[in-house]
């Protein structure tokens, strides 16, 4: 960006960076959801395998098995809560990305319009200068010079 870059364009470029950052955060949040879901699937698979094992023979084995099964169930519930939290964070990140994207696009459209207006003004100034030069030549020609 040069000093000739309109201020609005510089602001739009900063907002684009904000939008890019928000997109990266949204992707990371979605990855977090997928990771948490994968961990839940592993817990569920392990619980199913554990439940398929042969039943215990003694009372203390039955109690230990039930206690472990309860801990597995609790772990699955905690993981489901983590997933719900991660999904809320991903949704919030998506909303933030969409907001940042809208702001960025609006500012870029405004900067484009500003750039067009500046170019139009430069073209008019140049045309005026060219007309003045042409008028000077015409006057010199008329006066015989």
N, C-alpha and C. Protein backbone atom coordinates (compact mmCIF):
# COMPACT_ATOMS: atom_id res chain seq x y z
N UNK A 1 0.84 -1.17 0.00
CA UNK A 1 0.00 0.00 0.00
C UNK A 1 0.89 1.24 0.00
N UNK A 2 0.61 2.15 -0.88
CA UNK A 2 1.38 3.39 -0.95
C UNK A 2 0.62 4.49 -0.22
N UNK A 3 1.28 5.62 -0.10
CA UNK A 3 0.62 6.76 0.53
C UNK A 3 -0.54 7.25 -0.32
N UNK A 4 -0.49 6.95 -1.62
CA UNK A 4 -1.57 7.36 -2.51
C UNK A 4 -2.82 6.49 -2.35
N UNK A 5 -2.70 5.39 -1.65
CA UNK A 5 -3.84 4.51 -1.42
C UNK A 5 -4.84 5.23 -0.53
N UNK A 6 -6.08 5.30 -0.99
CA UNK A 6 -7.10 5.98 -0.17
C UNK A 6 -7.24 5.32 1.21
N UNK A 7 -7.54 6.15 2.18
CA UNK A 7 -7.68 5.68 3.56
C UNK A 7 -8.72 4.57 3.66
N UNK A 8 -9.80 4.72 2.93
CA UNK A 8 -10.87 3.71 2.99
C UNK A 8 -10.34 2.35 2.52
N UNK A 9 -9.46 2.34 1.53
CA UNK A 9 -8.88 1.09 1.06
C UNK A 9 -8.01 0.46 2.14
N UNK A 10 -7.26 1.27 2.86
CA UNK A 10 -6.41 0.73 3.94
C UNK A 10 -7.28 0.12 5.03
N UNK A 11 -8.38 0.79 5.35
CA UNK A 11 -9.30 0.26 6.36
C UNK A 11 -9.93 -1.04 5.86
N UNK A 12 -10.32 -1.06 4.60
CA UNK A 12 -10.91 -2.28 4.02
C UNK A 12 -9.92 -3.44 4.07
N UNK A 13 -8.65 -3.16 3.81
CA UNK A 13 -7.64 -4.21 3.87
C UNK A 13 -7.48 -4.73 5.30
N UNK A 14 -7.56 -3.86 6.28
CA UNK A 14 -7.50 -4.30 7.68
C UNK A 14 -8.70 -5.17 8.02
N UNK A 15 -9.86 -4.79 7.54
CA UNK A 15 -11.07 -5.58 7.81
C UNK A 15 -10.98 -6.93 7.12
N UNK A 16 -10.33 -6.98 5.96
CA UNK A 16 -10.14 -8.27 5.28
C UNK A 16 -9.30 -9.18 6.14
N UNK A 17 -8.27 -8.62 6.78
CA UNK A 17 -7.44 -9.43 7.69
C UNK A 17 -8.27 -9.93 8.86
N UNK A 18 -9.16 -9.07 9.39
CA UNK A 18 -10.05 -9.50 10.47
C UNK A 18 -10.93 -10.66 10.00
N UNK A 19 -11.42 -10.55 8.78
CA UNK A 19 -12.27 -11.60 8.22
C UNK A 19 -11.49 -12.90 8.06
N UNK A 20 -10.25 -12.80 7.60
CA UNK A 20 -9.40 -13.98 7.46
C UNK A 20 -9.13 -14.63 8.82
N UNK A 21 -8.89 -13.80 9.83
CA UNK A 21 -8.65 -14.32 11.18
C UNK A 21 -9.91 -15.03 11.70
N UNK A 22 -11.07 -14.42 11.47
CA UNK A 22 -12.33 -15.02 11.90
C UNK A 22 -12.58 -16.35 11.18
N UNK A 23 -12.21 -16.42 9.91
CA UNK A 23 -12.37 -17.67 9.15
C UNK A 23 -11.48 -18.76 9.75
N UNK A 24 -10.25 -18.40 10.10
CA UNK A 24 -9.33 -19.37 10.70
C UNK A 24 -9.87 -19.86 12.05
N UNK A 25 -10.43 -18.96 12.83
CA UNK A 25 -11.00 -19.35 14.12
C UNK A 25 -12.20 -20.26 13.92
N UNK A 26 -13.00 -20.01 12.90
CA UNK A 26 -14.16 -20.85 12.62
C UNK A 26 -13.70 -22.25 12.23
N UNK A 27 -12.69 -22.34 11.38
CA UNK A 27 -12.16 -23.64 10.97
C UNK A 27 -11.62 -24.40 12.19
N UNK A 28 -10.89 -23.69 13.05
CA UNK A 28 -10.35 -24.33 14.25
C UNK A 28 -11.48 -24.82 15.15
N UNK A 29 -12.55 -24.04 15.26
CA UNK A 29 -13.68 -24.44 16.10
C UNK A 29 -14.37 -25.68 15.51
N UNK A 30 -14.53 -25.70 14.20
CA UNK A 30 -15.14 -26.89 13.56
C UNK A 30 -14.25 -28.11 13.76
N UNK A 31 -12.93 -27.93 13.66
CA UNK A 31 -12.01 -29.03 13.91
C UNK A 31 -12.15 -29.53 15.35
N UNK A 32 -12.36 -28.60 16.28
CA UNK A 32 -12.56 -28.97 17.67
C UNK A 32 -13.81 -29.82 17.85
N UNK A 33 -14.87 -29.48 17.15
CA UNK A 33 -16.11 -30.27 17.21
C UNK A 33 -15.85 -31.68 16.69
N UNK A 34 -15.18 -31.76 15.54
CA UNK A 34 -14.91 -33.07 14.95
C UNK A 34 -14.02 -33.92 15.85
N UNK A 35 -13.05 -33.29 16.48
CA UNK A 35 -12.16 -34.01 17.39
C UNK A 35 -12.95 -34.55 18.59
N UNK A 36 -13.80 -33.70 19.15
CA UNK A 36 -14.60 -34.12 20.30
C UNK A 36 -15.56 -35.24 19.92
N UNK A 37 -16.12 -35.17 18.72
CA UNK A 37 -17.02 -36.23 18.26
C UNK A 37 -16.25 -37.53 18.05
N UNK A 38 -15.03 -37.43 17.56
CA UNK A 38 -14.19 -38.62 17.40
C UNK A 38 -13.87 -39.27 18.73
N UNK A 39 -13.60 -38.43 19.74
CA UNK A 39 -13.32 -38.97 21.07
C UNK A 39 -14.55 -39.66 21.65
N UNK A 40 -15.73 -39.09 21.42
CA UNK A 40 -16.96 -39.73 21.89
C UNK A 40 -17.16 -41.07 21.19
N UNK A 41 -16.91 -41.11 19.90
CA UNK A 41 -17.06 -42.37 19.16
C UNK A 41 -16.12 -43.43 19.72
N UNK A 42 -14.89 -43.04 20.08
CA UNK A 42 -13.94 -43.98 20.67
C UNK A 42 -14.45 -44.47 22.03
N UNK A 43 -14.97 -43.56 22.84
CA UNK A 43 -15.52 -43.97 24.14
C UNK A 43 -16.68 -44.94 23.96
N UNK A 44 -17.54 -44.65 23.01
CA UNK A 44 -18.70 -45.52 22.77
C UNK A 44 -18.24 -46.90 22.27
N UNK A 45 -17.24 -46.90 21.38
CA UNK A 45 -16.72 -48.17 20.88
C UNK A 45 -16.12 -49.00 22.03
N UNK A 46 -15.34 -48.33 22.89
CA UNK A 46 -14.72 -49.03 24.01
C UNK A 46 -15.79 -49.56 24.97
N UNK A 47 -16.81 -48.73 25.23
CA UNK A 47 -17.88 -49.17 26.13
C UNK A 47 -18.61 -50.38 25.55
N UNK A 48 -18.82 -50.38 24.26
CA UNK A 48 -19.49 -51.52 23.62
C UNK A 48 -18.63 -52.78 23.74
N UNK A 49 -17.32 -52.61 23.51
CA UNK A 49 -16.41 -53.76 23.64
C UNK A 49 -16.38 -54.26 25.08
N UNK A 50 -16.35 -53.34 26.02
CA UNK A 50 -16.31 -53.70 27.43
C UNK A 50 -17.59 -54.43 27.83
N UNK A 51 -18.71 -53.94 27.31
CA UNK A 51 -20.00 -54.58 27.62
C UNK A 51 -20.12 -55.96 27.01
N UNK A 52 -19.39 -56.24 25.95
CA UNK A 52 -19.47 -57.54 25.28
C UNK A 52 -18.61 -58.60 25.94
N UNK A 53 -17.78 -58.19 26.90
CA UNK A 53 -16.92 -59.17 27.59
C UNK A 53 -17.79 -60.12 28.42
N UNK A 54 -17.26 -61.29 28.70
CA UNK A 54 -18.02 -62.26 29.52
C UNK A 54 -18.29 -61.69 30.92
N UNK A 55 -19.39 -62.08 31.48
CA UNK A 55 -19.77 -61.59 32.80
C UNK A 55 -18.80 -62.09 33.86
N UNK A 56 -18.69 -61.31 34.90
CA UNK A 56 -17.78 -61.65 36.01
C UNK A 56 -18.36 -62.79 36.82
N UNK A 57 -17.49 -63.45 37.58
CA UNK A 57 -17.89 -64.60 38.36
C UNK A 57 -18.17 -64.25 39.81
N UNK A 58 -17.41 -63.34 40.39
CA UNK A 58 -17.58 -63.05 41.81
C UNK A 58 -18.31 -61.72 42.00
N UNK A 59 -18.76 -61.51 43.23
CA UNK A 59 -19.50 -60.29 43.58
C UNK A 59 -18.62 -59.06 43.41
N UNK A 60 -17.38 -59.15 43.89
CA UNK A 60 -16.50 -57.97 43.80
C UNK A 60 -16.19 -57.65 42.33
N UNK A 61 -16.10 -58.68 41.46
CA UNK A 61 -15.87 -58.45 40.03
C UNK A 61 -17.09 -57.78 39.39
N UNK A 62 -18.27 -58.22 39.82
CA UNK A 62 -19.51 -57.61 39.30
C UNK A 62 -19.58 -56.16 39.72
N UNK A 63 -19.25 -55.86 40.99
CA UNK A 63 -19.27 -54.48 41.48
C UNK A 63 -18.22 -53.63 40.77
N UNK A 64 -17.05 -54.17 40.57
CA UNK A 64 -15.98 -53.43 39.89
C UNK A 64 -16.38 -53.16 38.44
N UNK A 65 -16.99 -54.15 37.82
CA UNK A 65 -17.43 -53.99 36.43
C UNK A 65 -18.52 -52.93 36.34
N UNK A 66 -19.47 -52.94 37.25
CA UNK A 66 -20.55 -51.96 37.26
C UNK A 66 -19.99 -50.55 37.50
N UNK A 67 -19.05 -50.44 38.44
CA UNK A 67 -18.45 -49.14 38.74
C UNK A 67 -17.70 -48.60 37.51
N UNK A 68 -16.96 -49.48 36.86
CA UNK A 68 -16.23 -49.04 35.66
C UNK A 68 -17.20 -48.66 34.54
N UNK A 69 -18.25 -49.43 34.39
CA UNK A 69 -19.27 -49.14 33.38
C UNK A 69 -19.92 -47.78 33.68
N UNK A 70 -20.17 -47.49 34.96
CA UNK A 70 -20.74 -46.19 35.34
C UNK A 70 -19.77 -45.06 35.00
N UNK A 71 -18.47 -45.28 35.23
CA UNK A 71 -17.47 -44.25 34.89
C UNK A 71 -17.41 -44.03 33.38
N UNK A 72 -17.52 -45.10 32.62
CA UNK A 72 -17.56 -44.97 31.16
C UNK A 72 -18.78 -44.17 30.71
N UNK A 73 -19.92 -44.45 31.33
CA UNK A 73 -21.14 -43.71 30.99
C UNK A 73 -20.98 -42.23 31.34
N UNK A 74 -20.41 -41.96 32.50
CA UNK A 74 -20.18 -40.57 32.91
C UNK A 74 -19.20 -39.87 31.95
N UNK A 75 -18.18 -40.58 31.51
CA UNK A 75 -17.21 -40.01 30.57
C UNK A 75 -17.89 -39.69 29.24
N UNK A 76 -18.79 -40.56 28.81
CA UNK A 76 -19.52 -40.31 27.56
C UNK A 76 -20.41 -39.07 27.70
N UNK A 77 -21.06 -38.93 28.84
CA UNK A 77 -21.91 -37.76 29.07
C UNK A 77 -21.08 -36.48 29.09
N UNK A 78 -19.93 -36.53 29.75
CA UNK A 78 -19.04 -35.36 29.77
C UNK A 78 -18.57 -35.02 28.36
N UNK A 79 -18.28 -36.04 27.58
CA UNK A 79 -17.83 -35.79 26.21
C UNK A 79 -18.96 -35.19 25.38
N UNK A 80 -20.18 -35.63 25.60
CA UNK A 80 -21.32 -35.03 24.89
C UNK A 80 -21.48 -33.56 25.28
N UNK A 81 -21.21 -33.23 26.53
CA UNK A 81 -21.26 -31.83 26.96
C UNK A 81 -20.15 -31.03 26.28
N UNK A 82 -18.97 -31.63 26.17
CA UNK A 82 -17.86 -30.95 25.46
C UNK A 82 -18.23 -30.70 24.01
N UNK A 83 -18.87 -31.67 23.40
CA UNK A 83 -19.30 -31.51 22.00
C UNK A 83 -20.29 -30.36 21.89
N UNK A 84 -21.26 -30.34 22.79
CA UNK A 84 -22.25 -29.25 22.76
C UNK A 84 -21.57 -27.89 22.93
N UNK A 85 -20.61 -27.81 23.84
CA UNK A 85 -19.87 -26.56 24.04
C UNK A 85 -19.08 -26.19 22.79
N UNK A 86 -18.42 -27.18 22.22
CA UNK A 86 -17.63 -26.95 21.01
C UNK A 86 -18.52 -26.52 19.84
N UNK A 87 -19.70 -27.10 19.74
CA UNK A 87 -20.64 -26.71 18.68
C UNK A 87 -21.11 -25.27 18.87
N UNK A 88 -21.36 -24.87 20.12
CA UNK A 88 -21.75 -23.47 20.38
C UNK A 88 -20.62 -22.52 20.00
N UNK A 89 -19.39 -22.91 20.35
CA UNK A 89 -18.24 -22.07 20.00
C UNK A 89 -18.07 -21.98 18.48
N UNK A 90 -18.28 -23.10 17.79
CA UNK A 90 -18.17 -23.10 16.33
C UNK A 90 -19.25 -22.22 15.71
N UNK A 91 -20.45 -22.29 16.26
CA UNK A 91 -21.54 -21.45 15.76
C UNK A 91 -21.22 -19.98 15.98
N UNK A 92 -20.70 -19.65 17.16
CA UNK A 92 -20.32 -18.27 17.46
C UNK A 92 -19.21 -17.81 16.52
N UNK A 93 -18.25 -18.68 16.25
CA UNK A 93 -17.15 -18.34 15.34
C UNK A 93 -17.69 -18.14 13.92
N UNK A 94 -18.66 -18.94 13.53
CA UNK A 94 -19.27 -18.78 12.20
C UNK A 94 -19.98 -17.44 12.10
N UNK A 95 -20.72 -17.09 13.13
CA UNK A 95 -21.43 -15.80 13.14
C UNK A 95 -20.44 -14.65 13.06
N UNK A 96 -19.36 -14.75 13.82
CA UNK A 96 -18.33 -13.70 13.81
C UNK A 96 -17.68 -13.61 12.43
N UNK A 97 -17.42 -14.75 11.81
CA UNK A 97 -16.84 -14.75 10.47
C UNK A 97 -17.79 -14.07 9.48
N UNK A 98 -19.06 -14.43 9.53
CA UNK A 98 -20.04 -13.85 8.60
C UNK A 98 -20.15 -12.34 8.80
N UNK A 99 -20.11 -11.89 10.05
CA UNK A 99 -20.15 -10.45 10.33
C UNK A 99 -18.91 -9.76 9.77
N UNK A 100 -17.75 -10.35 10.05
CA UNK A 100 -16.49 -9.76 9.57
C UNK A 100 -16.45 -9.76 8.04
N UNK A 101 -16.95 -10.81 7.43
CA UNK A 101 -16.98 -10.91 5.98
C UNK A 101 -17.89 -9.84 5.38
N UNK A 102 -19.04 -9.61 5.98
CA UNK A 102 -19.97 -8.59 5.50
C UNK A 102 -19.34 -7.20 5.60
N UNK A 103 -18.72 -6.91 6.73
CA UNK A 103 -18.06 -5.62 6.91
C UNK A 103 -16.95 -5.45 5.88
N UNK A 104 -16.15 -6.47 5.71
CA UNK A 104 -15.03 -6.42 4.76
C UNK A 104 -15.53 -6.18 3.35
N UNK A 105 -16.54 -6.91 2.93
CA UNK A 105 -17.08 -6.75 1.58
C UNK A 105 -17.66 -5.35 1.38
N UNK A 106 -18.36 -4.85 2.38
CA UNK A 106 -18.95 -3.51 2.28
C UNK A 106 -17.87 -2.45 2.15
N UNK A 107 -16.83 -2.58 2.95
CA UNK A 107 -15.75 -1.60 2.89
C UNK A 107 -14.99 -1.70 1.56
N UNK A 108 -14.82 -2.88 1.06
CA UNK A 108 -14.14 -3.02 -0.24
C UNK A 108 -14.98 -2.41 -1.37
N UNK A 109 -16.30 -2.60 -1.31
CA UNK A 109 -17.16 -1.96 -2.32
C UNK A 109 -17.07 -0.44 -2.21
N UNK A 110 -17.09 0.07 -0.98
CA UNK A 110 -16.98 1.52 -0.78
C UNK A 110 -15.61 2.03 -1.25
N UNK A 111 -14.57 1.27 -0.98
CA UNK A 111 -13.22 1.66 -1.42
C UNK A 111 -13.13 1.65 -2.94
N UNK A 112 -13.74 0.66 -3.58
CA UNK A 112 -13.75 0.63 -5.04
C UNK A 112 -14.48 1.85 -5.60
N UNK A 113 -15.60 2.19 -5.00
CA UNK A 113 -16.35 3.37 -5.43
C UNK A 113 -15.50 4.63 -5.23
N UNK A 114 -14.82 4.73 -4.09
CA UNK A 114 -13.96 5.88 -3.83
C UNK A 114 -12.84 5.95 -4.86
N UNK A 115 -12.25 4.82 -5.17
CA UNK A 115 -11.17 4.77 -6.15
C UNK A 115 -11.68 5.23 -7.52
N UNK A 116 -12.87 4.80 -7.90
CA UNK A 116 -13.45 5.22 -9.17
C UNK A 116 -13.69 6.73 -9.19
N UNK A 117 -14.19 7.25 -8.08
CA UNK A 117 -14.44 8.70 -8.00
C UNK A 117 -13.13 9.49 -8.09
N UNK A 118 -12.09 8.99 -7.43
CA UNK A 118 -10.79 9.67 -7.50
C UNK A 118 -10.24 9.63 -8.92
N UNK A 119 -10.39 8.49 -9.59
CA UNK A 119 -9.91 8.38 -10.97
C UNK A 119 -10.69 9.32 -11.88
N UNK A 120 -11.99 9.41 -11.66
CA UNK A 120 -12.83 10.32 -12.45
C UNK A 120 -12.38 11.77 -12.25
N UNK A 121 -12.10 12.13 -11.01
CA UNK A 121 -11.63 13.49 -10.72
C UNK A 121 -10.28 13.75 -11.38
N UNK A 122 -9.37 12.76 -11.34
CA UNK A 122 -8.07 12.92 -12.01
C UNK A 122 -8.25 13.07 -13.52
N UNK A 123 -9.13 12.26 -14.07
CA UNK A 123 -9.39 12.34 -15.52
C UNK A 123 -9.94 13.72 -15.89
N UNK A 124 -10.84 14.23 -15.08
CA UNK A 124 -11.41 15.57 -15.35
C UNK A 124 -10.33 16.65 -15.26
N UNK A 125 -9.47 16.53 -14.24
CA UNK A 125 -8.38 17.51 -14.09
C UNK A 125 -7.45 17.45 -15.30
N UNK A 126 -7.11 16.23 -15.72
CA UNK A 126 -6.23 16.08 -16.87
C UNK A 126 -6.89 16.64 -18.13
N UNK A 127 -8.18 16.38 -18.27
CA UNK A 127 -8.89 16.89 -19.44
C UNK A 127 -8.89 18.42 -19.43
N UNK A 128 -9.07 19.00 -18.26
CA UNK A 128 -9.04 20.46 -18.13
C UNK A 128 -7.67 21.02 -18.50
N UNK A 129 -6.62 20.34 -18.04
CA UNK A 129 -5.25 20.77 -18.37
C UNK A 129 -5.03 20.66 -19.87
N UNK A 130 -5.46 19.53 -20.44
CA UNK A 130 -5.30 19.34 -21.88
C UNK A 130 -6.09 20.39 -22.66
N UNK A 131 -7.29 20.70 -22.18
CA UNK A 131 -8.11 21.74 -22.85
C UNK A 131 -7.42 23.10 -22.77
N UNK A 132 -6.85 23.43 -21.60
CA UNK A 132 -6.15 24.71 -21.45
C UNK A 132 -4.94 24.79 -22.38
N UNK A 133 -4.21 23.70 -22.51
CA UNK A 133 -3.05 23.67 -23.42
C UNK A 133 -3.51 23.84 -24.87
N UNK A 134 -4.56 23.14 -25.18
CA UNK A 134 -5.10 23.25 -26.54
C UNK A 134 -5.60 24.66 -26.82
N UNK A 135 -6.22 25.27 -25.84
CA UNK A 135 -6.72 26.64 -26.00
C UNK A 135 -5.55 27.59 -26.20
N UNK A 136 -4.46 27.38 -25.48
CA UNK A 136 -3.27 28.22 -25.64
C UNK A 136 -2.69 28.10 -27.03
N UNK A 137 -2.67 26.88 -27.59
CA UNK A 137 -2.17 26.68 -28.93
C UNK A 137 -3.08 27.34 -29.95
N UNK A 138 -4.38 27.22 -29.72
CA UNK A 138 -5.33 27.86 -30.63
C UNK A 138 -5.15 29.37 -30.61
N UNK A 139 -4.98 29.92 -29.42
CA UNK A 139 -4.81 31.37 -29.31
C UNK A 139 -3.50 31.80 -29.97
N UNK A 140 -2.47 30.99 -29.83
CA UNK A 140 -1.20 31.32 -30.47
C UNK A 140 -1.34 31.25 -31.98
N UNK A 141 -2.07 30.29 -32.47
CA UNK A 141 -2.27 30.13 -33.91
C UNK A 141 -3.07 31.31 -34.46
N UNK A 142 -4.13 31.70 -33.68
CA UNK A 142 -4.98 32.83 -34.09
C UNK A 142 -4.15 34.12 -34.14
N UNK A 143 -3.29 34.29 -33.15
CA UNK A 143 -2.52 35.54 -33.10
C UNK A 143 -1.35 35.50 -34.08
N UNK A 144 -1.21 34.38 -34.77
CA UNK A 144 -0.18 34.30 -35.81
C UNK A 144 1.12 33.75 -35.32
N UNK A 145 1.12 33.18 -34.13
CA UNK A 145 2.36 32.72 -33.55
C UNK A 145 2.65 31.34 -33.75
